[in-house]
Amino acid sequence: MTAAERPHAMRTAPIQQPGTQRTERHAPPNRPARTAPLAGLGQVPWAEIQDSTGSAAAIPLLLNSVAWGNPGTAQAALDDLRKRICQYGFVVEQATAATVPFLWELAQLPQVTCRAQIIQLLRNIADARQWESTAAVYPKLLNHRENPVVWERKARQAVRARRSALRHLLAEEDAEIAQATTELARTLGE
């Protein structure tokens, strides 16, 4: 018998099955909502900028490996990243400044297993003056279309722009993180 044939029959509302509704979680009113780690990676035109290997398109994958990899994977990714954005510990590339905010973010995430090494990389970037030193004796370097002196300055500025995180990192109980942070603070003149 159909519903039309049963005018007096009671209709029921459809029952929602568990797990089919999307629940939204909101931050408590006294705390700002937190975004997912590395959420801004997609905002950077990685394929259009250069690292030491050419296109910087691999940097997001490396940053994610540092963030979510096991200790071996994270360390290997950080080593590769270091070669791409701060080769030899003092030669920065075009992609360095764009990478720095994500390094600061990773340095503050407790699940990241190589935080002290990230802070050391930030220190190397903050201390980099290879291109400026070269330009001082070879000024024609400043006339190139792609000016590495500008990259170097922007990278150092990017490190300084996030230095407010130093206080949090200095309070870390991990001695290696605290030592690396102290060295970075010293480099930044804090």
N, C-alpha and C. Protein backbone atom coordinates (compact mmCIF):
# COMPACT_ATOMS: atom_id res chain seq x y z
N MET A 1 0.85 -1.16 0.00
CA MET A 1 0.00 0.00 0.00
C MET A 1 0.91 1.23 0.00
N THR A 2 0.57 2.23 -0.82
CA THR A 2 1.37 3.44 -0.91
C THR A 2 0.86 4.47 0.08
N ALA A 3 1.63 5.53 0.23
CA ALA A 3 1.24 6.59 1.16
C ALA A 3 -0.04 7.26 0.72
N ALA A 4 -0.24 7.35 -0.59
CA ALA A 4 -1.47 7.97 -1.11
C ALA A 4 -2.68 7.11 -0.78
N GLU A 5 -2.47 5.84 -0.73
CA GLU A 5 -3.56 4.94 -0.41
C GLU A 5 -3.84 4.92 1.09
N ARG A 6 -2.87 5.39 1.90
CA ARG A 6 -3.04 5.40 3.35
C ARG A 6 -3.06 6.84 3.85
N PRO A 7 -4.09 7.58 3.68
CA PRO A 7 -4.10 8.98 4.10
C PRO A 7 -3.97 9.14 5.61
N HIS A 8 -4.40 8.22 6.33
CA HIS A 8 -4.33 8.36 7.80
C HIS A 8 -3.01 7.81 8.37
N ALA A 9 -2.15 7.23 7.51
CA ALA A 9 -0.89 6.68 8.01
C ALA A 9 0.05 7.81 8.43
N MET A 10 0.80 7.55 9.45
CA MET A 10 1.71 8.53 10.01
C MET A 10 3.01 8.57 9.21
N ARG A 11 3.48 9.76 8.87
CA ARG A 11 4.75 9.91 8.16
C ARG A 11 5.86 10.11 9.17
N THR A 12 7.02 9.60 8.84
CA THR A 12 8.16 9.80 9.73
C THR A 12 9.24 10.56 8.98
N ALA A 13 9.98 11.33 9.72
CA ALA A 13 11.10 12.07 9.13
C ALA A 13 12.24 11.10 8.87
N PRO A 14 13.04 11.37 7.86
CA PRO A 14 14.18 10.49 7.61
C PRO A 14 15.14 10.52 8.80
N ILE A 15 15.69 9.40 9.09
CA ILE A 15 16.61 9.29 10.23
C ILE A 15 18.03 9.50 9.73
N GLN A 16 18.75 10.38 10.39
CA GLN A 16 20.15 10.61 10.04
C GLN A 16 20.99 9.46 10.59
N GLN A 17 21.80 8.91 9.73
CA GLN A 17 22.68 7.84 10.16
C GLN A 17 23.91 8.44 10.83
N PRO A 18 24.43 7.80 11.88
CA PRO A 18 25.63 8.32 12.53
C PRO A 18 26.77 8.42 11.54
N GLY A 19 27.51 9.49 11.64
CA GLY A 19 28.69 9.67 10.80
C GLY A 19 28.39 10.29 9.45
N THR A 20 27.13 10.52 9.12
CA THR A 20 26.84 11.13 7.82
C THR A 20 26.73 12.64 7.93
N GLN A 21 26.61 13.14 9.13
CA GLN A 21 26.55 14.58 9.31
C GLN A 21 27.94 15.10 9.60
N ARG A 22 28.22 16.28 9.05
CA ARG A 22 29.51 16.92 9.29
C ARG A 22 29.41 17.72 10.58
N THR A 23 30.28 17.45 11.49
CA THR A 23 30.29 18.23 12.72
C THR A 23 31.40 19.25 12.62
N GLU A 24 31.10 20.46 13.01
CA GLU A 24 32.11 21.50 12.97
C GLU A 24 32.54 21.79 14.39
N ARG A 25 33.83 21.86 14.54
CA ARG A 25 34.38 22.15 15.86
C ARG A 25 34.87 23.58 15.86
N HIS A 26 34.45 24.30 16.82
CA HIS A 26 34.85 25.69 16.93
C HIS A 26 35.79 25.84 18.12
N ALA A 27 36.72 26.77 17.97
CA ALA A 27 37.63 27.05 19.07
C ALA A 27 36.84 27.69 20.20
N PRO A 28 37.22 27.43 21.45
CA PRO A 28 36.56 28.11 22.55
C PRO A 28 36.65 29.62 22.36
N PRO A 29 35.69 30.38 22.88
CA PRO A 29 35.67 31.82 22.64
C PRO A 29 36.93 32.55 23.07
N ASN A 30 37.64 32.05 24.06
CA ASN A 30 38.82 32.75 24.55
C ASN A 30 40.09 32.37 23.80
N ARG A 31 40.02 31.42 22.85
CA ARG A 31 41.20 31.02 22.08
C ARG A 31 40.92 31.19 20.59
N PRO A 32 41.92 31.71 19.85
CA PRO A 32 41.71 31.83 18.41
C PRO A 32 41.73 30.45 17.76
N ALA A 33 41.02 30.32 16.65
CA ALA A 33 41.03 29.05 15.93
C ALA A 33 42.42 28.81 15.36
N ARG A 34 42.90 27.58 15.41
CA ARG A 34 44.23 27.24 14.90
C ARG A 34 44.07 26.66 13.51
N THR A 35 44.98 27.03 12.66
CA THR A 35 44.97 26.46 11.33
C THR A 35 45.87 25.24 11.31
N ALA A 36 45.68 24.41 10.32
CA ALA A 36 46.50 23.21 10.18
C ALA A 36 47.93 23.62 9.88
N PRO A 37 48.89 22.85 10.37
CA PRO A 37 50.29 23.17 10.08
C PRO A 37 50.54 23.23 8.57
N LEU A 38 51.34 24.20 8.19
CA LEU A 38 51.75 24.41 6.80
C LEU A 38 50.58 24.70 5.86
N ALA A 39 49.50 25.25 6.41
CA ALA A 39 48.31 25.53 5.61
C ALA A 39 48.58 26.51 4.47
N GLY A 40 49.55 27.38 4.61
CA GLY A 40 49.82 28.39 3.59
C GLY A 40 50.73 27.95 2.47
N LEU A 41 51.15 26.70 2.44
CA LEU A 41 52.07 26.23 1.40
C LEU A 41 51.54 26.48 -0.01
N GLY A 42 50.25 26.32 -0.19
CA GLY A 42 49.65 26.49 -1.51
C GLY A 42 49.60 27.93 -1.98
N GLN A 43 49.88 28.87 -1.10
CA GLN A 43 49.84 30.29 -1.46
C GLN A 43 51.13 30.75 -2.14
N VAL A 44 52.16 29.93 -2.10
CA VAL A 44 53.47 30.30 -2.66
C VAL A 44 53.62 29.67 -4.04
N PRO A 45 54.03 30.43 -5.04
CA PRO A 45 54.21 29.88 -6.39
C PRO A 45 55.55 29.13 -6.51
N TRP A 46 55.66 28.03 -5.83
CA TRP A 46 56.93 27.29 -5.73
C TRP A 46 57.53 26.96 -7.10
N ALA A 47 56.73 26.58 -8.06
CA ALA A 47 57.25 26.19 -9.37
C ALA A 47 57.83 27.38 -10.13
N GLU A 48 57.50 28.58 -9.71
CA GLU A 48 57.97 29.77 -10.40
C GLU A 48 59.22 30.38 -9.77
N ILE A 49 59.63 29.88 -8.61
CA ILE A 49 60.84 30.40 -7.97
C ILE A 49 61.90 29.31 -7.94
N GLN A 50 63.12 29.72 -7.66
CA GLN A 50 64.26 28.82 -7.78
C GLN A 50 64.88 28.48 -6.42
N ASP A 51 65.34 27.24 -6.32
CA ASP A 51 66.22 26.84 -5.23
C ASP A 51 67.54 26.42 -5.87
N SER A 52 68.44 25.84 -5.14
CA SER A 52 69.75 25.51 -5.70
C SER A 52 69.71 24.44 -6.79
N THR A 53 68.61 23.72 -6.91
CA THR A 53 68.51 22.65 -7.91
C THR A 53 67.75 23.09 -9.15
N GLY A 54 67.17 24.28 -9.12
CA GLY A 54 66.30 24.75 -10.21
C GLY A 54 64.97 25.13 -9.61
N SER A 55 63.88 24.56 -10.13
CA SER A 55 62.55 24.86 -9.61
C SER A 55 62.42 24.45 -8.14
N ALA A 56 61.75 25.30 -7.39
CA ALA A 56 61.54 25.04 -5.96
C ALA A 56 60.27 24.22 -5.71
N ALA A 57 59.74 23.58 -6.74
CA ALA A 57 58.47 22.84 -6.62
C ALA A 57 58.50 21.72 -5.59
N ALA A 58 59.67 21.20 -5.25
CA ALA A 58 59.77 20.10 -4.28
C ALA A 58 59.74 20.58 -2.83
N ILE A 59 59.86 21.85 -2.60
CA ILE A 59 59.94 22.35 -1.22
C ILE A 59 58.70 22.01 -0.39
N PRO A 60 57.47 22.15 -0.89
CA PRO A 60 56.32 21.77 -0.06
C PRO A 60 56.36 20.31 0.40
N LEU A 61 56.76 19.41 -0.48
CA LEU A 61 56.87 18.00 -0.11
C LEU A 61 57.91 17.81 0.99
N LEU A 62 59.03 18.50 0.86
CA LEU A 62 60.08 18.39 1.88
C LEU A 62 59.59 18.95 3.22
N LEU A 63 58.92 20.09 3.20
CA LEU A 63 58.40 20.66 4.45
C LEU A 63 57.39 19.73 5.11
N ASN A 64 56.52 19.13 4.30
CA ASN A 64 55.56 18.17 4.85
C ASN A 64 56.27 16.94 5.42
N SER A 65 57.33 16.50 4.79
CA SER A 65 58.09 15.36 5.31
C SER A 65 58.75 15.70 6.64
N VAL A 66 59.22 16.93 6.77
CA VAL A 66 59.79 17.37 8.04
C VAL A 66 58.70 17.39 9.10
N ALA A 67 57.53 17.89 8.74
CA ALA A 67 56.43 18.03 9.70
C ALA A 67 55.88 16.70 10.16
N TRP A 68 55.71 15.75 9.25
CA TRP A 68 54.95 14.55 9.57
C TRP A 68 55.76 13.26 9.49
N GLY A 69 57.01 13.34 9.04
CA GLY A 69 57.80 12.13 8.88
C GLY A 69 58.34 11.60 10.20
N ASN A 70 58.74 10.32 10.17
CA ASN A 70 59.42 9.76 11.34
C ASN A 70 60.79 10.44 11.44
N PRO A 71 61.52 10.23 12.52
CA PRO A 71 62.79 10.97 12.69
C PRO A 71 63.75 10.85 11.50
N GLY A 72 63.91 9.67 10.93
CA GLY A 72 64.81 9.51 9.80
C GLY A 72 64.33 10.25 8.56
N THR A 73 63.06 10.14 8.28
CA THR A 73 62.47 10.82 7.12
C THR A 73 62.55 12.33 7.28
N ALA A 74 62.20 12.80 8.47
CA ALA A 74 62.22 14.24 8.73
C ALA A 74 63.63 14.80 8.60
N GLN A 75 64.61 14.10 9.14
CA GLN A 75 65.99 14.58 9.08
C GLN A 75 66.51 14.59 7.63
N ALA A 76 66.19 13.54 6.88
CA ALA A 76 66.61 13.47 5.47
C ALA A 76 65.97 14.61 4.67
N ALA A 77 64.70 14.88 4.92
CA ALA A 77 64.01 15.96 4.22
C ALA A 77 64.61 17.31 4.59
N LEU A 78 64.93 17.50 5.87
CA LEU A 78 65.54 18.76 6.29
C LEU A 78 66.92 18.93 5.67
N ASP A 79 67.68 17.85 5.58
CA ASP A 79 69.01 17.92 4.94
C ASP A 79 68.88 18.34 3.48
N ASP A 80 67.91 17.75 2.77
CA ASP A 80 67.67 18.11 1.38
C ASP A 80 67.22 19.56 1.27
N LEU A 81 66.33 19.97 2.16
CA LEU A 81 65.84 21.34 2.17
C LEU A 81 66.99 22.32 2.40
N ARG A 82 67.86 21.99 3.34
CA ARG A 82 69.02 22.84 3.64
C ARG A 82 69.87 23.03 2.38
N LYS A 83 70.11 21.96 1.64
CA LYS A 83 70.91 22.05 0.41
C LYS A 83 70.22 22.92 -0.63
N ARG A 84 68.91 22.94 -0.61
CA ARG A 84 68.16 23.70 -1.61
C ARG A 84 68.04 25.18 -1.29
N ILE A 85 67.97 25.53 0.01
CA ILE A 85 67.70 26.94 0.36
C ILE A 85 68.84 27.64 1.09
N CYS A 86 69.80 26.88 1.60
CA CYS A 86 70.94 27.50 2.31
C CYS A 86 72.14 26.58 2.15
N GLN A 87 72.54 26.44 0.90
CA GLN A 87 73.60 25.52 0.54
C GLN A 87 74.89 25.88 1.28
N TYR A 88 75.57 24.86 1.75
CA TYR A 88 76.83 24.99 2.51
C TYR A 88 76.64 25.76 3.82
N GLY A 89 75.42 26.04 4.18
CA GLY A 89 75.16 26.76 5.42
C GLY A 89 75.28 28.26 5.31
N PHE A 90 75.49 28.78 4.07
CA PHE A 90 75.63 30.23 3.94
C PHE A 90 75.22 30.79 2.57
N VAL A 91 74.84 29.97 1.62
CA VAL A 91 74.45 30.46 0.30
C VAL A 91 72.94 30.30 0.15
N VAL A 92 72.22 31.43 0.24
CA VAL A 92 70.76 31.37 0.14
C VAL A 92 70.34 31.47 -1.32
N GLU A 93 69.11 31.08 -1.56
CA GLU A 93 68.55 31.05 -2.91
C GLU A 93 67.28 31.88 -2.96
N GLN A 94 66.71 32.00 -4.14
CA GLN A 94 65.48 32.78 -4.33
C GLN A 94 64.35 32.25 -3.45
N ALA A 95 64.24 30.94 -3.28
CA ALA A 95 63.15 30.33 -2.52
C ALA A 95 63.33 30.42 -1.01
N THR A 96 64.46 30.86 -0.56
CA THR A 96 64.75 30.85 0.89
C THR A 96 63.76 31.70 1.67
N ALA A 97 63.56 32.94 1.26
CA ALA A 97 62.67 33.83 2.02
C ALA A 97 61.25 33.27 2.10
N ALA A 98 60.79 32.65 1.02
CA ALA A 98 59.43 32.07 1.03
C ALA A 98 59.33 30.87 1.95
N THR A 99 60.44 30.20 2.18
CA THR A 99 60.47 28.99 3.01
C THR A 99 60.56 29.32 4.50
N VAL A 100 61.17 30.42 4.83
CA VAL A 100 61.45 30.77 6.23
C VAL A 100 60.21 30.77 7.14
N PRO A 101 59.08 31.36 6.76
CA PRO A 101 57.92 31.32 7.67
C PRO A 101 57.49 29.90 8.03
N PHE A 102 57.63 28.98 7.09
CA PHE A 102 57.26 27.59 7.34
C PHE A 102 58.27 26.92 8.27
N LEU A 103 59.53 27.31 8.16
CA LEU A 103 60.54 26.79 9.09
C LEU A 103 60.24 27.26 10.51
N TRP A 104 59.87 28.52 10.66
CA TRP A 104 59.50 29.03 11.99
C TRP A 104 58.32 28.23 12.54
N GLU A 105 57.35 27.97 11.68
CA GLU A 105 56.17 27.22 12.11
C GLU A 105 56.57 25.81 12.57
N LEU A 106 57.40 25.14 11.78
CA LEU A 106 57.83 23.79 12.14
C LEU A 106 58.65 23.77 13.43
N ALA A 107 59.46 24.78 13.64
CA ALA A 107 60.29 24.84 14.84
C ALA A 107 59.45 24.89 16.11
N GLN A 108 58.20 25.29 15.99
CA GLN A 108 57.34 25.42 17.16
C GLN A 108 56.37 24.25 17.35
N LEU A 109 56.37 23.31 16.43
CA LEU A 109 55.44 22.18 16.53
C LEU A 109 56.07 21.03 17.30
N PRO A 110 55.46 20.62 18.40
CA PRO A 110 56.06 19.58 19.24
C PRO A 110 56.27 18.24 18.54
N GLN A 111 55.45 17.91 17.53
CA GLN A 111 55.60 16.61 16.87
C GLN A 111 56.79 16.56 15.91
N VAL A 112 57.36 17.71 15.57
CA VAL A 112 58.49 17.74 14.64
C VAL A 112 59.74 17.25 15.38
N THR A 113 60.41 16.29 14.80
CA THR A 113 61.51 15.61 15.49
C THR A 113 62.87 16.29 15.33
N CYS A 114 63.00 17.25 14.42
CA CYS A 114 64.30 17.88 14.17
C CYS A 114 64.22 19.39 14.38
N ARG A 115 63.54 19.79 15.43
CA ARG A 115 63.31 21.22 15.69
C ARG A 115 64.60 21.98 15.93
N ALA A 116 65.54 21.43 16.66
CA ALA A 116 66.80 22.13 16.93
C ALA A 116 67.56 22.38 15.63
N GLN A 117 67.53 21.41 14.72
CA GLN A 117 68.22 21.58 13.44
C GLN A 117 67.53 22.63 12.57
N ILE A 118 66.21 22.74 12.68
CA ILE A 118 65.48 23.79 11.96
C ILE A 118 65.90 25.16 12.48
N ILE A 119 66.01 25.28 13.78
CA ILE A 119 66.43 26.55 14.39
C ILE A 119 67.86 26.89 13.97
N GLN A 120 68.72 25.88 13.87
CA GLN A 120 70.09 26.11 13.39
C GLN A 120 70.08 26.59 11.94
N LEU A 121 69.19 26.02 11.12
CA LEU A 121 69.06 26.47 9.74
C LEU A 121 68.60 27.93 9.69
N LEU A 122 67.66 28.28 10.52
CA LEU A 122 67.21 29.68 10.59
C LEU A 122 68.38 30.60 10.97
N ARG A 123 69.21 30.14 11.88
CA ARG A 123 70.38 30.92 12.26
C ARG A 123 71.33 31.09 11.08
N ASN A 124 71.57 30.03 10.34
CA ASN A 124 72.45 30.12 9.17
C ASN A 124 71.90 31.13 8.16
N ILE A 125 70.60 31.09 7.95
CA ILE A 125 69.97 32.01 7.00
C ILE A 125 70.11 33.45 7.51
N ALA A 126 69.87 33.65 8.80
CA ALA A 126 69.97 35.00 9.39
C ALA A 126 71.39 35.54 9.30
N ASP A 127 72.36 34.66 9.27
CA ASP A 127 73.77 35.04 9.26
C ASP A 127 74.35 35.12 7.85
N ALA A 128 73.60 34.69 6.85
CA ALA A 128 74.13 34.59 5.48
C ALA A 128 74.44 35.96 4.89
N ARG A 129 75.65 36.08 4.39
CA ARG A 129 76.08 37.31 3.72
C ARG A 129 77.01 36.99 2.56
N GLN A 130 76.92 35.79 2.03
CA GLN A 130 77.78 35.35 0.94
C GLN A 130 77.63 36.24 -0.29
N TRP A 131 76.39 36.47 -0.70
CA TRP A 131 76.17 37.26 -1.91
C TRP A 131 76.56 38.72 -1.70
N GLU A 132 76.27 39.26 -0.53
CA GLU A 132 76.68 40.64 -0.25
C GLU A 132 78.19 40.77 -0.26
N SER A 133 78.88 39.80 0.31
CA SER A 133 80.34 39.83 0.34
C SER A 133 80.91 39.75 -1.08
N THR A 134 80.32 38.90 -1.89
CA THR A 134 80.77 38.75 -3.27
C THR A 134 80.51 40.04 -4.05
N ALA A 135 79.34 40.65 -3.85
CA ALA A 135 79.00 41.89 -4.55
C ALA A 135 79.91 43.04 -4.15
N ALA A 136 80.42 43.00 -2.93
CA ALA A 136 81.32 44.06 -2.48
C ALA A 136 82.60 44.09 -3.31
N VAL A 137 83.06 42.93 -3.75
CA VAL A 137 84.28 42.88 -4.57
C VAL A 137 83.97 42.72 -6.06
N TYR A 138 82.76 42.36 -6.38
CA TYR A 138 82.34 42.19 -7.77
C TYR A 138 80.97 42.85 -7.94
N PRO A 139 80.93 44.19 -8.00
CA PRO A 139 79.66 44.92 -8.02
C PRO A 139 78.75 44.60 -9.21
N LYS A 140 79.30 44.07 -10.28
CA LYS A 140 78.46 43.72 -11.43
C LYS A 140 77.41 42.68 -11.07
N LEU A 141 77.63 41.96 -10.00
CA LEU A 141 76.65 40.98 -9.53
C LEU A 141 75.30 41.64 -9.27
N LEU A 142 75.34 42.89 -8.85
CA LEU A 142 74.11 43.63 -8.55
C LEU A 142 73.31 43.98 -9.80
N ASN A 143 73.92 43.89 -10.95
CA ASN A 143 73.25 44.24 -12.21
C ASN A 143 72.56 43.07 -12.88
N HIS A 144 72.65 41.89 -12.31
CA HIS A 144 72.01 40.72 -12.90
C HIS A 144 70.49 40.82 -12.73
N ARG A 145 69.77 40.27 -13.68
CA ARG A 145 68.30 40.28 -13.61
C ARG A 145 67.82 39.61 -12.33
N GLU A 146 68.39 38.46 -12.02
CA GLU A 146 68.08 37.77 -10.76
C GLU A 146 69.19 38.13 -9.79
N ASN A 147 68.86 38.95 -8.84
CA ASN A 147 69.85 39.51 -7.94
C ASN A 147 69.91 38.72 -6.63
N PRO A 148 70.93 37.88 -6.46
CA PRO A 148 71.01 37.08 -5.24
C PRO A 148 71.24 37.90 -3.96
N VAL A 149 71.76 39.11 -4.10
CA VAL A 149 71.92 39.96 -2.92
C VAL A 149 70.54 40.30 -2.36
N VAL A 150 69.58 40.55 -3.23
CA VAL A 150 68.20 40.83 -2.80
C VAL A 150 67.61 39.59 -2.14
N TRP A 151 67.86 38.41 -2.71
CA TRP A 151 67.35 37.17 -2.10
C TRP A 151 67.87 37.03 -0.68
N GLU A 152 69.16 37.30 -0.52
CA GLU A 152 69.81 37.17 0.79
C GLU A 152 69.19 38.13 1.80
N ARG A 153 68.99 39.36 1.39
CA ARG A 153 68.39 40.36 2.29
C ARG A 153 66.96 39.98 2.67
N LYS A 154 66.18 39.54 1.68
CA LYS A 154 64.80 39.13 1.95
C LYS A 154 64.76 37.92 2.89
N ALA A 155 65.69 37.01 2.72
CA ALA A 155 65.74 35.82 3.60
C ALA A 155 66.05 36.24 5.04
N ARG A 156 67.02 37.13 5.21
CA ARG A 156 67.35 37.60 6.56
C ARG A 156 66.16 38.35 7.16
N GLN A 157 65.49 39.17 6.36
CA GLN A 157 64.31 39.89 6.85
C GLN A 157 63.20 38.93 7.25
N ALA A 158 63.05 37.85 6.50
CA ALA A 158 62.01 36.86 6.83
C ALA A 158 62.30 36.19 8.17
N VAL A 159 63.56 35.93 8.45
CA VAL A 159 63.92 35.34 9.75
C VAL A 159 63.61 36.35 10.86
N ARG A 160 64.01 37.59 10.67
CA ARG A 160 63.77 38.62 11.69
C ARG A 160 62.28 38.89 11.91
N ALA A 161 61.49 38.77 10.87
CA ALA A 161 60.06 39.07 10.95
C ALA A 161 59.32 38.15 11.92
N ARG A 162 59.83 36.96 12.14
CA ARG A 162 59.16 35.98 13.02
C ARG A 162 59.89 35.79 14.35
N ARG A 163 60.79 36.68 14.67
CA ARG A 163 61.61 36.49 15.88
C ARG A 163 60.81 36.54 17.18
N SER A 164 59.55 36.95 17.11
CA SER A 164 58.72 36.94 18.32
C SER A 164 58.55 35.52 18.87
N ALA A 165 58.79 34.51 18.06
CA ALA A 165 58.69 33.12 18.50
C ALA A 165 59.86 32.71 19.39
N LEU A 166 60.90 33.53 19.45
CA LEU A 166 62.07 33.17 20.25
C LEU A 166 61.72 32.94 21.72
N ARG A 167 60.87 33.78 22.28
CA ARG A 167 60.53 33.67 23.70
C ARG A 167 59.94 32.29 24.00
N HIS A 168 59.03 31.85 23.14
CA HIS A 168 58.41 30.53 23.30
C HIS A 168 59.47 29.42 23.20
N LEU A 169 60.34 29.53 22.21
CA LEU A 169 61.36 28.49 22.00
C LEU A 169 62.42 28.48 23.10
N LEU A 170 62.73 29.66 23.64
CA LEU A 170 63.71 29.72 24.74
C LEU A 170 63.18 29.04 26.00
N ALA A 171 61.86 28.97 26.12
CA ALA A 171 61.24 28.34 27.29
C ALA A 171 61.15 26.82 27.17
N GLU A 172 61.56 26.27 26.05
CA GLU A 172 61.50 24.82 25.84
C GLU A 172 62.37 24.09 26.87
N GLU A 173 61.89 22.94 27.29
CA GLU A 173 62.66 22.13 28.24
C GLU A 173 63.78 21.37 27.57
N ASP A 174 63.66 21.13 26.27
CA ASP A 174 64.68 20.42 25.51
C ASP A 174 65.94 21.29 25.42
N ALA A 175 67.05 20.81 25.97
CA ALA A 175 68.28 21.59 26.03
C ALA A 175 68.83 21.92 24.64
N GLU A 176 68.70 21.00 23.70
CA GLU A 176 69.22 21.23 22.35
C GLU A 176 68.43 22.35 21.65
N ILE A 177 67.12 22.36 21.85
CA ILE A 177 66.28 23.42 21.27
C ILE A 177 66.61 24.75 21.93
N ALA A 178 66.72 24.76 23.25
CA ALA A 178 67.03 26.00 23.96
C ALA A 178 68.39 26.55 23.54
N GLN A 179 69.39 25.68 23.37
CA GLN A 179 70.72 26.12 22.95
C GLN A 179 70.69 26.70 21.53
N ALA A 180 70.03 26.01 20.61
CA ALA A 180 69.93 26.50 19.23
C ALA A 180 69.20 27.83 19.19
N THR A 181 68.17 27.97 20.02
CA THR A 181 67.40 29.22 20.07
C THR A 181 68.24 30.35 20.64
N THR A 182 69.03 30.05 21.65
CA THR A 182 69.93 31.06 22.22
C THR A 182 70.90 31.56 21.16
N GLU A 183 71.45 30.65 20.37
CA GLU A 183 72.38 31.02 19.31
C GLU A 183 71.67 31.86 18.24
N LEU A 184 70.46 31.48 17.88
CA LEU A 184 69.70 32.25 16.90
C LEU A 184 69.41 33.65 17.45
N ALA A 185 68.99 33.73 18.71
CA ALA A 185 68.71 35.04 19.33
C ALA A 185 69.96 35.91 19.32
N ARG A 186 71.09 35.33 19.59
CA ARG A 186 72.35 36.06 19.59
C ARG A 186 72.64 36.59 18.16
N THR A 187 72.42 35.75 17.17
CA THR A 187 72.64 36.17 15.77
C THR A 187 71.71 37.32 15.39
N LEU A 188 70.48 37.27 15.90
CA LEU A 188 69.52 38.32 15.60
C LEU A 188 69.69 39.56 16.47
N GLY A 189 70.62 39.51 17.42
CA GLY A 189 70.85 40.64 18.29
C GLY A 189 69.78 40.82 19.35
N GLU A 190 69.13 39.73 19.71
CA GLU A 190 68.06 39.77 20.73
C GLU A 190 68.64 39.59 22.12
